[in-house]
Protein backbone atom coordinates (compact mmCIF):
# COMPACT_ATOMS: atom_id res chain seq x y z
CA MET A 1 -10.10 3.11 -46.09
CA ILE A 2 -10.88 6.53 -45.32
CA ALA A 3 -15.20 5.15 -44.79
CA ALA A 4 -13.13 2.71 -42.88
CA ARG A 5 -11.18 4.30 -40.12
CA SER A 6 -13.60 6.72 -39.36
CA SER A 7 -16.18 3.82 -37.89
CA ILE A 8 -13.60 2.18 -36.32
CA GLY A 9 -12.35 5.81 -34.79
CA ARG A 10 -16.09 6.00 -33.68
CA ALA A 11 -16.36 2.10 -32.10
CA ALA A 12 -13.88 3.00 -30.48
CA ALA A 13 -15.15 6.17 -28.75
CA ARG A 14 -18.12 4.51 -28.29
CA ALA A 15 -16.17 1.90 -26.31
CA SER A 16 -14.53 4.48 -24.46
CA ALA A 17 -17.43 6.03 -23.34
CA GLN A 18 -19.23 3.16 -22.34
CA THR A 19 -16.31 2.06 -19.50
CA THR A 20 -15.29 5.50 -18.23
CA GLN A 21 -17.12 5.73 -15.38
CA ARG A 22 -18.43 8.90 -13.79
CA ARG A 23 -18.57 9.20 -9.74
CA SER A 24 -21.05 11.06 -8.32
CA ALA A 25 -22.18 11.13 -4.08
CA GLN A 26 -25.22 11.97 -3.69
CA THR A 27 -27.58 11.71 0.02
CA VAL A 28 -31.21 10.90 -0.50
CA PRO A 29 -32.79 12.24 3.16
CA ARG A 30 -35.70 10.48 4.64
CA PHE A 31 -39.12 11.27 3.65
CA ALA A 32 -39.65 14.27 6.00
CA SER A 33 -40.55 17.67 6.58
CA GLU A 34 -38.66 20.09 4.41
CA GLU A 35 -36.79 21.13 7.31
CA GLU A 36 -35.63 18.53 8.44
CA MET A 37 -34.32 17.05 5.01
CA LYS A 38 -32.42 20.42 4.79
CA LYS A 39 -31.14 19.64 8.21
CA GLU A 40 -30.26 15.93 6.93
CA ALA A 41 -28.91 17.84 4.34
CA VAL A 42 -26.05 20.23 5.72
CA ALA A 43 -25.62 17.76 8.71
CA GLN A 44 -24.02 15.29 6.00
CA LEU A 45 -21.62 18.05 4.07
CA LYS A 46 -20.39 19.27 7.47
CA ALA A 47 -20.13 15.12 8.71
CA ARG A 48 -18.20 14.92 5.02
CA ILE A 49 -15.94 18.83 5.55
CA ALA A 50 -14.93 17.77 9.10
CA LYS A 51 -13.16 14.06 8.09
CA GLN A 52 -12.00 15.54 4.92
CA LYS A 53 -9.61 18.67 7.06
CA GLU A 54 -9.16 14.82 9.79
CA ILE A 55 -7.70 13.80 6.42
CA GLU A 56 -5.71 17.06 5.59
CA ALA A 57 -5.03 17.75 8.89
CA GLY A 58 -2.80 14.25 9.50
CA GLN A 59 -0.51 14.46 5.68
CA HIS A 60 0.63 18.45 6.62
CA ILE A 61 4.51 18.55 5.45
CA SER A 62 5.82 21.14 6.34
CA HIS A 63 8.02 23.57 4.33
CA ALA A 64 11.30 22.88 5.60
CA GLU A 65 10.27 18.97 5.20
CA GLU A 66 9.94 19.51 1.34
CA VAL A 67 12.80 21.65 1.41
CA ALA A 68 14.90 18.51 3.25
CA GLU A 69 13.53 16.21 1.16
CA MET A 70 14.29 18.32 -2.28
CA TRP A 71 17.52 17.88 -1.97
CA LYS A 72 17.54 14.25 -0.74
CA TRP A 73 16.27 13.75 -3.97
CA VAL A 74 19.04 16.30 -5.76
CA LYS A 75 21.75 14.82 -3.98
CA LEU A 76 20.71 11.05 -4.63
CA SER A 77 19.89 12.41 -8.43
CA ILE A 78 22.93 13.46 -8.80
CA PHE A 79 24.63 10.43 -7.13
CA VAL A 80 24.12 8.21 -9.88
CA ALA A 81 23.65 10.05 -12.11
CA THR A 82 27.17 10.92 -12.85
CA PRO A 83 28.44 7.36 -12.69
CA VAL A 84 26.01 6.77 -15.28
CA CYS A 85 27.33 9.48 -17.32
CA VAL A 86 30.88 8.62 -16.97
CA LEU A 87 30.26 5.56 -18.01
CA SER A 88 28.61 6.18 -21.46
């Protein structure tokens, strides 16, 4: 019984380990001098950073907007929870 449990546990662990995907972003430099490859790698990193900053700039929400949305959900929760509590 104990051996069966341990073998099942090991099989489940192996199955989950095989289905887990590791994501990584790799760049492959072109065949050139070492200095050119370094320049290309730096350019790619700068492009990624610029793209990330562009994405974050489009998603910025001010503190006042966050507080307003928080209070909206608090009020909504009270209006929904109060009748449910009264009826139960």
